[in-house]
């Protein structure tokens, strides 16, 4: 199911969207949906990584927030040179999550 949304954007952003959709030979609405999906995915990953880095969530919870697998989250940590923090409480939470 799709919903219609109305958004105000600056003229230069509209121009860029129109140019890009023309180059891609796609309707502007499709380009906007693709960009939103990519942007939301990246923002979820950033949030999960930030909360993990601050020690507010476990690695498992960060992966859940980011909507990626645990192994993908480990790769994201490596890419951003964030140290893996893994102790007894994280192990217990991960084992509990696996049971559920």
Foldseek 3Di string as FASTA:
>chain_A
DDDDDDDDDDPVVVVVLVVVCVVVVHDSVVVVVVVVVVVVLVVQLVVLVVCVLVVNDALCVSCVSSVHDSVVNVVVCVVVVRDHDDDDVNVVVVVVVVVD
